[in-house]
Amino acid sequence: AKKTVYLQMNSLKPEDTAVYYCARTARGPQNSNSKRALDYY
């Protein structure tokens, strides 16, 4: 159900500094991810 999703981040760099957001959507194809923020609600 992907109720808990993790992001393991190794070898971090200063350019990785940011606020990280998780997002979900039921739109789009079954076997790929949209990379557009507006597709996640």
Full PDB file with SEQRES, HELIX, SHEET, SSBOND, CRYST1, ORIGX, SCALE, CONECT and MASTER records, all heavy atoms in Angstrom:
SEQRES   1 A   41  ALA LYS LYS THR VAL TYR LEU GLN MET ASN SER LEU LYS          
SEQRES   2 A   41  PRO GLU ASP THR ALA VAL TYR TYR CYS ALA ARG THR ALA          
SEQRES   3 A   41  ARG GLY PRO GLN ASN SER ASN SER LYS ARG ALA LEU ASP          
SEQRES   4 A   41  TYR TYR                                                      
HELIX    1 AA1 PRO A   14  ASP A   16  5                                   3    
HELIX    2 AA2 ALA A   37  ASP A   39  5                                   3    
CRYST1    1.000    1.000    1.000  90.00  90.00  90.00 P 1           1          
ORIGX1      1.000000  0.000000  0.000000        0.00000                         
ORIGX2      0.000000  1.000000  0.000000        0.00000                         
ORIGX3      0.000000  0.000000  1.000000        0.00000                         
SCALE1      1.000000  0.000000  0.000000        0.00000                         
SCALE2      0.000000  1.000000  0.000000        0.00000                         
SCALE3      0.000000  0.000000  1.000000        0.00000                         
ATOM      1  N   ALA A   1       0.820  -1.208   0.000  1.00  0.00           N  
ATOM      2  CA  ALA A   1       0.000   0.000   0.000  1.00  0.00           C  
ATOM      3  C   ALA A   1       0.851   1.254   0.000  1.00  0.00           C  
ATOM      4  O   ALA A   1       0.332   2.356  -0.131  1.00  0.00           O  
ATOM      5  CB  ALA A   1      -0.931   0.005   1.206  1.00  0.00           C  
ATOM      6  N   LYS A   2       2.170   1.080   0.181  1.00  0.00           N  
ATOM      7  CA  LYS A   2       3.109   2.216   0.217  1.00  0.00           C  
ATOM      8  C   LYS A   2       2.679   3.228   1.278  1.00  0.00           C  
ATOM      9  O   LYS A   2       2.801   4.445   1.077  1.00  0.00           O  
ATOM     10  CB  LYS A   2       3.198   2.901  -1.152  1.00  0.00           C  
ATOM     11  CG  LYS A   2       3.441   1.967  -2.323  1.00  0.00           C  
ATOM     12  CD  LYS A   2       3.569   2.765  -3.604  1.00  0.00           C  
ATOM     13  CE  LYS A   2       3.057   1.978  -4.807  1.00  0.00           C  
ATOM     14  NZ  LYS A   2       1.602   1.849  -4.829  1.00  0.00           N  
ATOM     15  N   LYS A   3       2.183   2.717   2.405  1.00  0.00           N  
ATOM     16  CA  LYS A   3       1.794   3.644   3.463  1.00  0.00           C  
ATOM     17  C   LYS A   3       2.995   4.332   4.075  1.00  0.00           C  
ATOM     18  O   LYS A   3       2.904   5.464   4.535  1.00  0.00           O  
ATOM     19  CB  LYS A   3       0.991   2.912   4.534  1.00  0.00           C  
ATOM     20  CG  LYS A   3      -0.395   2.473   4.097  1.00  0.00           C  
ATOM     21  CD  LYS A   3      -1.249   2.064   5.270  1.00  0.00           C  
ATOM     22  CE  LYS A   3      -1.603   3.248   6.146  1.00  0.00           C  
ATOM     23  NZ  LYS A   3      -2.521   2.903   7.242  1.00  0.00           N  
ATOM     24  N   THR A   4       4.119   3.649   4.117  1.00  0.00           N  
ATOM     25  CA  THR A   4       5.361   4.255   4.597  1.00  0.00           C  
ATOM     26  C   THR A   4       6.392   4.122   3.487  1.00  0.00           C  
ATOM     27  O   THR A   4       6.665   3.019   3.018  1.00  0.00           O  
ATOM     28  CB  THR A   4       5.872   3.577   5.865  1.00  0.00           C  
ATOM     29  OG1 THR A   4       4.857   3.603   6.861  1.00  0.00           O  
ATOM     30  CG2 THR A   4       7.109   4.298   6.383  1.00  0.00           C  
ATOM     31  N   VAL A   5       6.931   5.241   3.098  1.00  0.00           N  
ATOM     32  CA  VAL A   5       7.941   5.275   2.035  1.00  0.00           C  
ATOM     33  C   VAL A   5       9.190   5.950   2.591  1.00  0.00           C  
ATOM     34  O   VAL A   5       9.097   6.959   3.297  1.00  0.00           O  
ATOM     35  CB  VAL A   5       7.409   6.023   0.808  1.00  0.00           C  
ATOM     36  CG1 VAL A   5       8.499   6.182  -0.236  1.00  0.00           C  
ATOM     37  CG2 VAL A   5       6.215   5.272   0.224  1.00  0.00           C  
ATOM     38  N   TYR A   6      10.323   5.375   2.263  1.00  0.00           N  
ATOM     39  CA  TYR A   6      11.592   5.872   2.777  1.00  0.00           C  
ATOM     40  C   TYR A   6      12.435   6.459   1.649  1.00  0.00           C  
ATOM     41  O   TYR A   6      12.308   6.069   0.488  1.00  0.00           O  
ATOM     42  CB  TYR A   6      12.374   4.740   3.430  1.00  0.00           C  
ATOM     43  CG  TYR A   6      11.627   4.032   4.522  1.00  0.00           C  
ATOM     44  CD1 TYR A   6      10.964   2.836   4.268  1.00  0.00           C  
ATOM     45  CD2 TYR A   6      11.560   4.559   5.806  1.00  0.00           C  
ATOM     46  CE1 TYR A   6      10.259   2.176   5.255  1.00  0.00           C  
ATOM     47  CE2 TYR A   6      10.863   3.911   6.810  1.00  0.00           C  
ATOM     48  CZ  TYR A   6      10.206   2.722   6.530  1.00  0.00           C  
ATOM     49  OH  TYR A   6       9.513   2.071   7.513  1.00  0.00           O  
ATOM     50  N   LEU A   7      13.293   7.363   2.021  1.00  0.00           N  
ATOM     51  CA  LEU A   7      14.314   7.864   1.105  1.00  0.00           C  
ATOM     52  C   LEU A   7      15.647   7.785   1.836  1.00  0.00           C  
ATOM     53  O   LEU A   7      15.906   8.585   2.747  1.00  0.00           O  
ATOM     54  CB  LEU A   7      14.023   9.290   0.660  1.00  0.00           C  
ATOM     55  CG  LEU A   7      15.002   9.845  -0.374  1.00  0.00           C  
ATOM     56  CD1 LEU A   7      14.840   9.104  -1.710  1.00  0.00           C  
ATOM     57  CD2 LEU A   7      14.790  11.340  -0.591  1.00  0.00           C  
ATOM     58  N   GLN A   8      16.443   6.808   1.465  1.00  0.00           N  
ATOM     59  CA  GLN A   8      17.776   6.676   2.021  1.00  0.00           C  
ATOM     60  C   GLN A   8      18.710   7.553   1.217  1.00  0.00           C  
ATOM     61  O   GLN A   8      18.822   7.391  -0.006  1.00  0.00           O  
ATOM     62  CB  GLN A   8      18.237   5.219   1.970  1.00  0.00           C  
ATOM     63  CG  GLN A   8      19.631   4.988   2.496  1.00  0.00           C  
ATOM     64  CD  GLN A   8      19.729   5.196   3.999  1.00  0.00           C  
ATOM     65  OE1 GLN A   8      18.854   4.790   4.752  1.00  0.00           O  
ATOM     66  NE2 GLN A   8      20.810   5.826   4.441  1.00  0.00           N  
ATOM     67  N   MET A   9      19.372   8.462   1.896  1.00  0.00           N  
ATOM     68  CA  MET A   9      20.243   9.420   1.221  1.00  0.00           C  
ATOM     69  C   MET A   9      21.667   9.215   1.724  1.00  0.00           C  
ATOM     70  O   MET A   9      21.952   9.478   2.895  1.00  0.00           O  
ATOM     71  CB  MET A   9      19.770  10.846   1.489  1.00  0.00           C  
ATOM     72  CG  MET A   9      18.298  11.074   1.152  1.00  0.00           C  
ATOM     73  SD  MET A   9      17.795  12.801   1.301  1.00  0.00           S  
ATOM     74  CE  MET A   9      18.044  13.059   3.056  1.00  0.00           C  
ATOM     75  N   ASN A  10      22.533   8.744   0.850  1.00  0.00           N  
ATOM     76  CA  ASN A  10      23.942   8.515   1.183  1.00  0.00           C  
ATOM     77  C   ASN A  10      24.829   9.497   0.428  1.00  0.00           C  
ATOM     78  O   ASN A  10      24.403  10.121  -0.544  1.00  0.00           O  
ATOM     79  CB  ASN A  10      24.327   7.076   0.815  1.00  0.00           C  
ATOM     80  CG  ASN A  10      23.544   6.041   1.591  1.00  0.00           C  
ATOM     81  OD1 ASN A  10      23.129   6.274   2.721  1.00  0.00           O  
ATOM     82  ND2 ASN A  10      23.327   4.877   0.983  1.00  0.00           N  
ATOM     83  N   SER A  11      26.054   9.591   0.868  1.00  0.00           N  
ATOM     84  CA  SER A  11      27.043  10.476   0.219  1.00  0.00           C  
ATOM     85  C   SER A  11      26.459  11.861  -0.021  1.00  0.00           C  
ATOM     86  O   SER A  11      26.542  12.406  -1.126  1.00  0.00           O  
ATOM     87  CB  SER A  11      27.497   9.850  -1.108  1.00  0.00           C  
ATOM     88  OG  SER A  11      28.043   8.570  -0.899  1.00  0.00           O  
ATOM     89  N   LEU A  12      25.883  12.418   1.003  1.00  0.00           N  
ATOM     90  CA  LEU A  12      25.212  13.707   0.864  1.00  0.00           C  
ATOM     91  C   LEU A  12      26.195  14.816   0.518  1.00  0.00           C  
ATOM     92  O   LEU A  12      27.358  14.816   0.958  1.00  0.00           O  
ATOM     93  CB  LEU A  12      24.454  14.038   2.139  1.00  0.00           C  
ATOM     94  CG  LEU A  12      23.120  13.278   2.287  1.00  0.00           C  
ATOM     95  CD1 LEU A  12      22.645  13.307   3.733  1.00  0.00           C  
ATOM     96  CD2 LEU A  12      22.079  13.865   1.363  1.00  0.00           C  
ATOM     97  N   LYS A  13      25.700  15.746  -0.273  1.00  0.00           N  
ATOM     98  CA  LYS A  13      26.491  16.892  -0.719  1.00  0.00           C  
ATOM     99  C   LYS A  13      25.806  18.177  -0.262  1.00  0.00           C  
ATOM    100  O   LYS A  13      24.592  18.194  -0.062  1.00  0.00           O  
ATOM    101  CB  LYS A  13      26.582  16.893  -2.248  1.00  0.00           C  
ATOM    102  CG  LYS A  13      27.136  15.616  -2.852  1.00  0.00           C  
ATOM    103  CD  LYS A  13      27.075  15.684  -4.378  1.00  0.00           C  
ATOM    104  CE  LYS A  13      27.614  14.405  -5.003  1.00  0.00           C  
ATOM    105  NZ  LYS A  13      27.561  14.462  -6.489  1.00  0.00           N  
ATOM    106  N   PRO A  14      26.574  19.255  -0.142  1.00  0.00           N  
ATOM    107  CA  PRO A  14      25.939  20.533   0.245  1.00  0.00           C  
ATOM    108  C   PRO A  14      24.793  20.929  -0.693  1.00  0.00           C  
ATOM    109  O   PRO A  14      23.807  21.521  -0.236  1.00  0.00           O  
ATOM    110  CB  PRO A  14      27.099  21.526   0.167  1.00  0.00           C  
ATOM    111  CG  PRO A  14      28.298  20.698   0.484  1.00  0.00           C  
ATOM    112  CD  PRO A  14      28.033  19.365  -0.168  1.00  0.00           C  
ATOM    113  N   GLU A  15      24.886  20.571  -1.957  1.00  0.00           N  
ATOM    114  CA  GLU A  15      23.818  20.924  -2.896  1.00  0.00           C  
ATOM    115  C   GLU A  15      22.551  20.097  -2.694  1.00  0.00           C  
ATOM    116  O   GLU A  15      21.535  20.352  -3.347  1.00  0.00           O  
ATOM    117  CB  GLU A  15      24.301  20.789  -4.348  1.00  0.00           C  
ATOM    118  CG  GLU A  15      24.953  19.472  -4.684  1.00  0.00           C  
ATOM    119  CD  GLU A  15      26.480  19.532  -4.591  1.00  0.00           C  
ATOM    120  OE1 GLU A  15      27.011  20.127  -3.614  1.00  0.00           O  
ATOM    121  OE2 GLU A  15      27.142  18.966  -5.491  1.00  0.00           O  
ATOM    122  N   ASP A  16      22.579  19.116  -1.814  1.00  0.00           N  
ATOM    123  CA  ASP A  16      21.369  18.383  -1.452  1.00  0.00           C  
ATOM    124  C   ASP A  16      20.550  19.115  -0.389  1.00  0.00           C  
ATOM    125  O   ASP A  16      19.441  18.688  -0.049  1.00  0.00           O  
ATOM    126  CB  ASP A  16      21.719  16.983  -0.929  1.00  0.00           C  
ATOM    127  CG  ASP A  16      22.344  16.099  -1.990  1.00  0.00           C  
ATOM    128  OD1 ASP A  16      21.871  16.119  -3.144  1.00  0.00           O  
ATOM    129  OD2 ASP A  16      23.308  15.375  -1.651  1.00  0.00           O  
ATOM    130  N   THR A  17      21.092  20.201   0.126  1.00  0.00           N  
ATOM    131  CA  THR A  17      20.377  20.970   1.138  1.00  0.00           C  
ATOM    132  C   THR A  17      19.073  21.515   0.574  1.00  0.00           C  
ATOM    133  O   THR A  17      19.068  22.187  -0.459  1.00  0.00           O  
ATOM    134  CB  THR A  17      21.253  22.136   1.646  1.00  0.00           C  
ATOM    135  OG1 THR A  17      22.395  21.596   2.321  1.00  0.00           O  
ATOM    136  CG2 THR A  17      20.476  23.033   2.584  1.00  0.00           C  
ATOM    137  N   ALA A  18      17.979  21.205   1.254  1.00  0.00           N  
ATOM    138  CA  ALA A  18      16.654  21.610   0.778  1.00  0.00           C  
ATOM    139  C   ALA A  18      15.606  21.149   1.785  1.00  0.00           C  
ATOM    140  O   ALA A  18      15.906  20.357   2.691  1.00  0.00           O  
ATOM    141  CB  ALA A  18      16.360  20.999  -0.579  1.00  0.00           C  
ATOM    142  N   VAL A  19      14.398  21.624   1.585  1.00  0.00           N  
ATOM    143  CA  VAL A  19      13.247  21.038   2.267  1.00  0.00           C  
ATOM    144  C   VAL A  19      12.742  19.904   1.377  1.00  0.00           C  
ATOM    145  O   VAL A  19      12.505  20.110   0.185  1.00  0.00           O  
ATOM    146  CB  VAL A  19      12.136  22.065   2.510  1.00  0.00           C  
ATOM    147  CG1 VAL A  19      10.929  21.387   3.163  1.00  0.00           C  
ATOM    148  CG2 VAL A  19      12.644  23.200   3.398  1.00  0.00           C  
ATOM    149  N   TYR A  20      12.610  18.735   1.968  1.00  0.00           N  
ATOM    150  CA  TYR A  20      12.180  17.556   1.228  1.00  0.00           C  
ATOM    151  C   TYR A  20      10.702  17.276   1.518  1.00  0.00           C  
ATOM    152  O   TYR A  20      10.285  17.251   2.676  1.00  0.00           O  
ATOM    153  CB  TYR A  20      13.039  16.349   1.603  1.00  0.00           C  
ATOM    154  CG  TYR A  20      14.408  16.390   0.961  1.00  0.00           C  
ATOM    155  CD1 TYR A  20      15.365  17.314   1.377  1.00  0.00           C  
ATOM    156  CD2 TYR A  20      14.743  15.516  -0.065  1.00  0.00           C  
ATOM    157  CE1 TYR A  20      16.612  17.373   0.777  1.00  0.00           C  
ATOM    158  CE2 TYR A  20      15.993  15.551  -0.673  1.00  0.00           C  
ATOM    159  CZ  TYR A  20      16.924  16.487  -0.240  1.00  0.00           C  
ATOM    160  OH  TYR A  20      18.164  16.545  -0.844  1.00  0.00           O  
ATOM    161  N   TYR A  21       9.960  17.056   0.458  1.00  0.00           N  
ATOM    162  CA  TYR A  21       8.525  16.808   0.561  1.00  0.00           C  
ATOM    163  C   TYR A  21       8.195  15.435  -0.030  1.00  0.00           C  
ATOM    164  O   TYR A  21       8.733  15.069  -1.079  1.00  0.00           O  
ATOM    165  CB  TYR A  21       7.734  17.857  -0.220  1.00  0.00           C  
ATOM    166  CG  TYR A  21       7.922  19.274   0.239  1.00  0.00           C  
ATOM    167  CD1 TYR A  21       8.925  20.080  -0.297  1.00  0.00           C  
ATOM    168  CD2 TYR A  21       7.071  19.828   1.201  1.00  0.00           C  
ATOM    169  CE1 TYR A  21       9.092  21.384   0.116  1.00  0.00           C  
ATOM    170  CE2 TYR A  21       7.224  21.142   1.612  1.00  0.00           C  
ATOM    171  CZ  TYR A  21       8.241  21.918   1.067  1.00  0.00           C  
ATOM    172  OH  TYR A  21       8.388  23.216   1.477  1.00  0.00           O  
ATOM    173  N   CYS A  22       7.285  14.730   0.609  1.00  0.00           N  
ATOM    174  CA  CYS A  22       6.742  13.537  -0.025  1.00  0.00           C  
ATOM    175  C   CYS A  22       5.372  13.869  -0.593  1.00  0.00           C  
ATOM    176  O   CYS A  22       4.680  14.763  -0.098  1.00  0.00           O  
ATOM    177  CB  CYS A  22       6.665  12.355   0.934  1.00  0.00           C  
ATOM    178  SG  CYS A  22       5.663  12.614   2.401  1.00  0.00           S  
ATOM    179  N   ALA A  23       5.011  13.162  -1.624  1.00  0.00           N  
ATOM    180  CA  ALA A  23       3.764  13.443  -2.327  1.00  0.00           C  
ATOM    181  C   ALA A  23       3.185  12.163  -2.904  1.00  0.00           C  
ATOM    182  O   ALA A  23       3.921  11.210  -3.186  1.00  0.00           O  
ATOM    183  CB  ALA A  23       4.019  14.459  -3.443  1.00  0.00           C  
ATOM    184  N   ARG A  24       1.862  12.163  -3.075  1.00  0.00           N  
ATOM    185  CA  ARG A  24       1.190  10.978  -3.618  1.00  0.00           C  
ATOM    186  C   ARG A  24       0.206  11.402  -4.706  1.00  0.00           C  
ATOM    187  O   ARG A  24      -0.340  12.520  -4.676  1.00  0.00           O  
ATOM    188  CB  ARG A  24       0.405  10.243  -2.530  1.00  0.00           C  
ATOM    189  CG  ARG A  24       1.208   9.790  -1.333  1.00  0.00           C  
ATOM    190  CD  ARG A  24       0.355   9.039  -0.351  1.00  0.00           C  
ATOM    191  NE  ARG A  24      -0.028   7.737  -0.846  1.00  0.00           N  
ATOM    192  CZ  ARG A  24       0.558   6.596  -0.506  1.00  0.00           C  
ATOM    193  NH1 ARG A  24       1.586   6.604   0.330  1.00  0.00           N  
ATOM    194  NH2 ARG A  24       0.136   5.443  -0.978  1.00  0.00           N  
ATOM    195  N   THR A  25      -0.017  10.484  -5.634  1.00  0.00           N  
ATOM    196  CA  THR A  25      -1.015  10.714  -6.668  1.00  0.00           C  
ATOM    197  C   THR A  25      -1.523   9.381  -7.184  1.00  0.00           C  
ATOM    198  O   THR A  25      -0.791   8.397  -7.203  1.00  0.00           O  
ATOM    199  CB  THR A  25      -0.431  11.532  -7.828  1.00  0.00           C  
ATOM    200  OG1 THR A  25      -1.465  11.789  -8.791  1.00  0.00           O  
ATOM    201  CG2 THR A  25       0.692  10.769  -8.524  1.00  0.00           C  
ATOM    202  N   ALA A  26      -2.787   9.385  -7.609  1.00  0.00           N  
ATOM    203  CA  ALA A  26      -3.354   8.207  -8.268  1.00  0.00           C  
ATOM    204  C   ALA A  26      -3.451   8.437  -9.775  1.00  0.00           C  
ATOM    205  O   ALA A  26      -4.042   7.634 -10.485  1.00  0.00           O  
ATOM    206  CB  ALA A  26      -4.721   7.877  -7.692  1.00  0.00           C  
ATOM    207  N   ARG A  27      -2.873   9.526 -10.242  1.00  0.00           N  
ATOM    208  CA  ARG A  27      -2.904   9.826 -11.677  1.00  0.00           C  
ATOM    209  C   ARG A  27      -1.717   9.184 -12.367  1.00  0.00           C  
ATOM    210  O   ARG A  27      -0.717   8.858 -11.758  1.00  0.00           O  
ATOM    211  CB  ARG A  27      -2.838  11.344 -11.895  1.00  0.00           C  
ATOM    212  CG  ARG A  27      -3.993  12.103 -11.320  1.00  0.00           C  
ATOM    213  CD  ARG A  27      -3.748  13.600 -11.459  1.00  0.00           C  
ATOM    214  NE  ARG A  27      -4.824  14.379 -10.865  1.00  0.00           N  
ATOM    215  CZ  ARG A  27      -4.759  15.691 -10.626  1.00  0.00           C  
ATOM    216  NH1 ARG A  27      -3.671  16.343 -10.962  1.00  0.00           N  
ATOM    217  NH2 ARG A  27      -5.767  16.327 -10.094  1.00  0.00           N  
ATOM    218  N   GLY A  28      -1.813   9.094 -13.644  1.00  0.00           N  
ATOM    219  CA  GLY A  28      -0.682   8.681 -14.444  1.00  0.00           C  
ATOM    220  C   GLY A  28      -0.592   7.180 -14.640  1.00  0.00           C  
ATOM    221  O   GLY A  28      -1.404   6.413 -14.127  1.00  0.00           O  
ATOM    222  N   PRO A  29       0.406   6.755 -15.388  1.00  0.00           N  
ATOM    223  CA  PRO A  29       0.563   5.334 -15.721  1.00  0.00           C  
ATOM    224  C   PRO A  29       0.976   4.498 -14.520  1.00  0.00           C  
ATOM    225  O   PRO A  29       1.434   5.026 -13.514  1.00  0.00           O  
ATOM    226  CB  PRO A  29       1.667   5.348 -16.788  1.00  0.00           C  
ATOM    227  CG  PRO A  29       2.430   6.590 -16.524  1.00  0.00           C  
ATOM    228  CD  PRO A  29       1.444   7.593 -16.010  1.00  0.00           C  
ATOM    229  N   GLN A  30       0.817   3.196 -14.683  1.00  0.00           N  
ATOM    230  CA  GLN A  30       1.105   2.288 -13.578  1.00  0.00           C  
ATOM    231  C   GLN A  30       2.602   2.122 -13.327  1.00  0.00           C  
ATOM    232  O   GLN A  30       3.019   1.873 -12.199  1.00  0.00           O  
ATOM    233  CB  GLN A  30       0.508   0.904 -13.886  1.00  0.00           C  
ATOM    234  CG  GLN A  30      -0.997   0.832 -13.704  1.00  0.00           C  
ATOM    235  CD  GLN A  30      -1.392   0.812 -12.242  1.00  0.00           C  
ATOM    236  OE1 GLN A  30      -0.655   0.327 -11.386  1.00  0.00           O  
ATOM    237  NE2 GLN A  30      -2.553   1.356 -11.935  1.00  0.00           N  
ATOM    238  N   ASN A  31       3.393   2.228 -14.374  1.00  0.00           N  
ATOM    239  CA  ASN A  31       4.797   1.839 -14.250  1.00  0.00           C  
ATOM    240  C   ASN A  31       5.793   2.952 -14.519  1.00  0.00           C  
ATOM    241  O   ASN A  31       6.892   2.706 -15.022  1.00  0.00           O  
ATOM    242  CB  ASN A  31       5.072   0.664 -15.185  1.00  0.00           C  
ATOM    243  CG  ASN A  31       4.319  -0.577 -14.742  1.00  0.00           C  
ATOM    244  OD1 ASN A  31       4.375  -0.960 -13.583  1.00  0.00           O  
ATOM    245  ND2 ASN A  31       3.592  -1.181 -15.661  1.00  0.00           N  
ATOM    246  N   SER A  32       5.415   4.172 -14.169  1.00  0.00           N  
ATOM    247  CA  SER A  32       6.377   5.266 -14.228  1.00  0.00           C  
ATOM    248  C   SER A  32       5.909   6.355 -13.287  1.00  0.00           C  
ATOM    249  O   SER A  32       4.791   6.306 -12.778  1.00  0.00           O  
ATOM    250  CB  SER A  32       6.523   5.803 -15.650  1.00  0.00           C  
ATOM    251  OG  SER A  32       5.307   6.364 -16.092  1.00  0.00           O  
ATOM    252  N   ASN A  33       6.769   7.321 -13.022  1.00  0.00           N  
ATOM    253  CA  ASN A  33       6.426   8.443 -12.150  1.00  0.00           C  
ATOM    254  C   ASN A  33       6.461   9.744 -12.923  1.00  0.00           C  
ATOM    255  O   ASN A  33       7.424   9.999 -13.648  1.00  0.00           O  
ATOM    256  CB  ASN A  33       7.429   8.550 -10.999  1.00  0.00           C  
ATOM    257  CG  ASN A  33       7.126   7.610  -9.871  1.00  0.00           C  
ATOM    258  OD1 ASN A  33       7.639   6.511  -9.820  1.00  0.00           O  
ATOM    259  ND2 ASN A  33       6.264   8.040  -8.961  1.00  0.00           N  
ATOM    260  N   SER A  34       5.446  10.553 -12.713  1.00  0.00           N  
ATOM    261  CA  SER A  34       5.530  11.912 -13.214  1.00  0.00           C  
ATOM    262  C   SER A  34       6.572  12.668 -12.389  1.00  0.00           C  
ATOM    263  O   SER A  34       6.686  12.469 -11.182  1.00  0.00           O  
ATOM    264  CB  SER A  34       4.184  12.614 -13.089  1.00  0.00           C  
ATOM    265  OG  SER A  34       4.332  13.993 -13.364  1.00  0.00           O  
ATOM    266  N   LYS A  35       7.300  13.541 -13.051  1.00  0.00           N  
ATOM    267  CA  LYS A  35       8.288  14.360 -12.353  1.00  0.00           C  
ATOM    268  C   LYS A  35       7.790  15.781 -12.181  1.00  0.00           C  
ATOM    269  O   LYS A  35       8.555  16.655 -11.787  1.00  0.00           O  
ATOM    270  CB  LYS A  35       9.614  14.324 -13.112  1.00  0.00           C  
ATOM    271  CG  LYS A  35      10.211  12.913 -13.159  1.00  0.00           C  
ATOM    272  CD  LYS A  35      11.543  12.867 -13.865  1.00  0.00           C  
ATOM    273  CE  LYS A  35      12.077  11.420 -13.850  1.00  0.00           C  
ATOM    274  NZ  LYS A  35      13.378  11.305 -14.540  1.00  0.00           N  
ATOM    275  N   ARG A  36       6.516  15.976 -12.451  1.00  0.00           N  
ATOM    276  CA  ARG A  36       5.915  17.299 -12.308  1.00  0.00           C  
ATOM    277  C   ARG A  36       5.167  17.388 -10.993  1.00  0.00           C  
ATOM    278  O   ARG A  36       4.269  16.587 -10.720  1.00  0.00           O  
ATOM    279  CB  ARG A  36       4.964  17.587 -13.465  1.00  0.00           C  
ATOM    280  CG  ARG A  36       5.577  17.491 -14.827  1.00  0.00           C  
ATOM    281  CD  ARG A  36       4.616  17.996 -15.900  1.00  0.00           C  
ATOM    282  NE  ARG A  36       3.290  17.387 -15.781  1.00  0.00           N  
ATOM    283  CZ  ARG A  36       2.234  17.820 -16.468  1.00  0.00           C  
ATOM    284  NH1 ARG A  36       2.345  18.879 -17.264  1.00  0.00           N  
ATOM    285  NH2 ARG A  36       1.063  17.212 -16.342  1.00  0.00           N  
ATOM    286  N   ALA A  37       5.489  18.399 -10.209  1.00  0.00           N  
ATOM    287  CA  ALA A  37       4.850  18.565  -8.906  1.00  0.00           C  
ATOM    288  C   ALA A  37       3.334  18.734  -9.034  1.00  0.00           C  
ATOM    289  O   ALA A  37       2.571  18.266  -8.181  1.00  0.00           O  
ATOM    290  CB  ALA A  37       5.449  19.758  -8.180  1.00  0.00           C  
ATOM    291  N   LEU A  38       2.883  19.347 -10.111  1.00  0.00           N  
ATOM    292  CA  LEU A  38       1.458  19.618 -10.229  1.00  0.00           C  
ATOM    293  C   LEU A  38       0.640  18.347 -10.447  1.00  0.00           C  
ATOM    294  O   LEU A  38      -0.581  18.372 -10.354  1.00  0.00           O  
ATOM    295  CB  LEU A  38       1.204  20.628 -11.342  1.00  0.00           C  
ATOM    296  CG  LEU A  38       1.686  20.311 -12.767  1.00  0.00           C  
ATOM    297  CD1 LEU A  38       0.687  19.457 -13.520  1.00  0.00           C  
ATOM    298  CD2 LEU A  38       1.922  21.622 -13.538  1.00  0.00           C  
ATOM    299  N   ASP A  39       1.290  17.230 -10.748  1.00  0.00           N  
ATOM    300  CA  ASP A  39       0.572  15.968 -10.926  1.00  0.00           C  
ATOM    301  C   ASP A  39       0.309  15.239  -9.610  1.00  0.00           C  
ATOM    302  O   ASP A  39      -0.346  14.206  -9.606  1.00  0.00           O  
ATOM    303  CB  ASP A  39       1.354  15.043 -11.863  1.00  0.00           C  
ATOM    304  CG  ASP A  39       1.288  15.497 -13.309  1.00  0.00           C  
ATOM    305  OD1 ASP A  39       0.297  16.150 -13.682  1.00  0.00           O  
ATOM    306  OD2 ASP A  39       2.238  15.221 -14.060  1.00  0.00           O  
ATOM    307  N   TYR A  40       0.809  15.770  -8.521  1.00  0.00           N  
ATOM    308  CA  TYR A  40       0.641  15.143  -7.209  1.00  0.00           C  
ATOM    309  C   TYR A  40      -0.315  15.994  -6.386  1.00  0.00           C  
ATOM    310  O   TYR A  40      -0.152  17.218  -6.324  1.00  0.00           O  
ATOM    311  CB  TYR A  40       1.990  15.008  -6.505  1.00  0.00           C  
ATOM    312  CG  TYR A  40       2.907  14.035  -7.204  1.00  0.00           C  
ATOM    313  CD1 TYR A  40       3.616  14.420  -8.338  1.00  0.00           C  
ATOM    314  CD2 TYR A  40       3.042  12.725  -6.751  1.00  0.00           C  
ATOM    315  CE1 TYR A  40       4.434  13.522  -9.003  1.00  0.00           C  
ATOM    316  CE2 TYR A  40       3.862  11.827  -7.405  1.00  0.00           C  
ATOM    317  CZ  TYR A  40       4.554  12.229  -8.533  1.00  0.00           C  
ATOM    318  OH  TYR A  40       5.359  11.339  -9.191  1.00  0.00           O  
ATOM    319  N   TYR A  41      -1.302  15.346  -5.765  1.00  0.00           N  
ATOM    320  CA  TYR A  41      -2.288  16.177  -5.055  1.00  0.00           C  
ATOM    321  C   TYR A  41      -2.307  15.991  -3.552  1.00  0.00           C  
ATOM    322  O   TYR A  41      -3.033  16.685  -2.867  1.00  0.00           O  
ATOM    323  CB  TYR A  41      -3.693  15.995  -5.638  1.00  0.00           C  
ATOM    324  CG  TYR A  41      -4.116  14.581  -5.921  1.00  0.00           C  
ATOM    325  CD1 TYR A  41      -4.466  13.715  -4.913  1.00  0.00           C  
ATOM    326  CD2 TYR A  41      -4.190  14.127  -7.234  1.00  0.00           C  
ATOM    327  CE1 TYR A  41      -4.862  12.421  -5.186  1.00  0.00           C  
ATOM    328  CE2 TYR A  41      -4.594  12.827  -7.519  1.00  0.00           C  
ATOM    329  CZ  TYR A  41      -4.931  11.980  -6.498  1.00  0.00           C  
ATOM    330  OH  TYR A  41      -5.329  10.693  -6.766  1.00  0.00           O  
TER     331      TYR A  41                                                      
MASTER        0    0    0    2    0    0    0    6  330    1    0    4          
END                                                                             
